């Protein structure tokens, strides 16, 4: 059994990617709308980040080539 000294919120945020960590992209207004909606779908709780597990499940549905 492993014991963690981190608070639960710190543990859950350790493996997340947020919009702040993505480089500045020159997206059109339409691209921002579309990608914003996709992010909201991947982050239904509105936390502002997507966990690795949730991201994997989200992208598996796209059937993009690995």
Protein backbone atom coordinates (compact mmCIF):
# COMPACT_ATOMS: atom_id res chain seq x y z
CA UNK A 1 0.00 0.00 0.00
CA UNK A 2 1.29 3.46 -0.90
CA UNK A 3 0.74 6.48 1.28
CA UNK A 4 0.68 9.92 -0.30
CA UNK A 5 1.59 13.10 1.51
CA UNK A 6 -0.10 15.30 -1.09
CA UNK A 7 -3.59 16.68 -0.73
CA UNK A 8 -6.12 14.87 -2.98
CA UNK A 9 -6.54 17.96 -5.18
CA UNK A 10 -2.78 18.17 -5.76
CA UNK A 11 -2.69 14.50 -6.73
CA UNK A 12 -5.54 14.83 -9.21
CA UNK A 13 -4.02 17.93 -10.83
CA UNK A 14 -0.54 16.43 -11.17
CA UNK A 15 -1.33 14.72 -14.50
CA UNK A 16 -3.57 17.29 -16.13
CA UNK A 17 -3.08 19.57 -19.10
CA UNK A 18 -4.76 22.96 -19.12
CA UNK A 19 -5.19 25.64 -21.74
CA UNK A 20 -2.51 27.68 -19.91
CA UNK A 21 0.12 25.04 -20.72
CA UNK A 22 -0.60 25.08 -24.47
CA UNK A 23 1.48 27.45 -26.63
CA UNK A 24 -0.19 30.51 -28.13
CA UNK A 25 -1.97 29.43 -31.32
CA UNK A 26 -3.41 31.66 -34.01
CA UNK A 27 -6.91 30.23 -34.10
CA UNK A 28 -9.84 31.71 -35.94
CA UNK A 29 -12.94 32.64 -33.97
CA UNK A 30 -14.65 29.55 -35.41
CA UNK A 31 -11.72 27.31 -34.36
CA UNK A 32 -11.86 28.74 -30.83
CA UNK A 33 -15.59 28.07 -30.67
CA UNK A 34 -15.25 24.49 -31.94
CA UNK A 35 -12.26 23.60 -29.75
CA UNK A 36 -13.84 25.34 -26.77
CA UNK A 37 -16.93 23.19 -27.17
CA UNK A 38 -14.80 20.05 -27.45
CA UNK A 39 -12.92 21.03 -24.28
CA UNK A 40 -16.21 21.59 -22.47
CA UNK A 41 -17.30 18.11 -23.56
CA UNK A 42 -14.05 16.63 -22.21
CA UNK A 43 -14.36 18.71 -18.99
CA UNK A 44 -18.08 18.49 -18.10
CA UNK A 45 -17.44 19.55 -14.50
CA UNK A 46 -15.97 22.86 -15.69
CA UNK A 47 -12.78 22.29 -13.70
CA UNK A 48 -10.65 23.86 -16.44
CA UNK A 49 -8.46 20.82 -16.96
CA UNK A 50 -8.79 17.31 -18.36
CA UNK A 51 -7.26 14.34 -16.56
CA UNK A 52 -5.13 11.90 -18.51
CA UNK A 53 -7.69 9.12 -18.08
CA UNK A 54 -10.52 11.30 -19.33
CA UNK A 55 -8.39 12.60 -22.24
CA UNK A 56 -7.59 9.05 -23.34
CA UNK A 57 -11.28 8.10 -23.34
CA UNK A 58 -12.17 11.33 -25.16
CA UNK A 59 -9.57 10.85 -27.91
CA UNK A 60 -10.33 7.13 -28.30
CA UNK A 61 -13.77 8.17 -29.53
CA UNK A 62 -12.19 10.25 -32.34
CA UNK A 63 -10.55 7.16 -33.85
CA UNK A 64 -7.53 9.25 -34.83
CA UNK A 65 -4.44 7.30 -35.85
CA UNK A 66 -1.96 6.88 -33.00
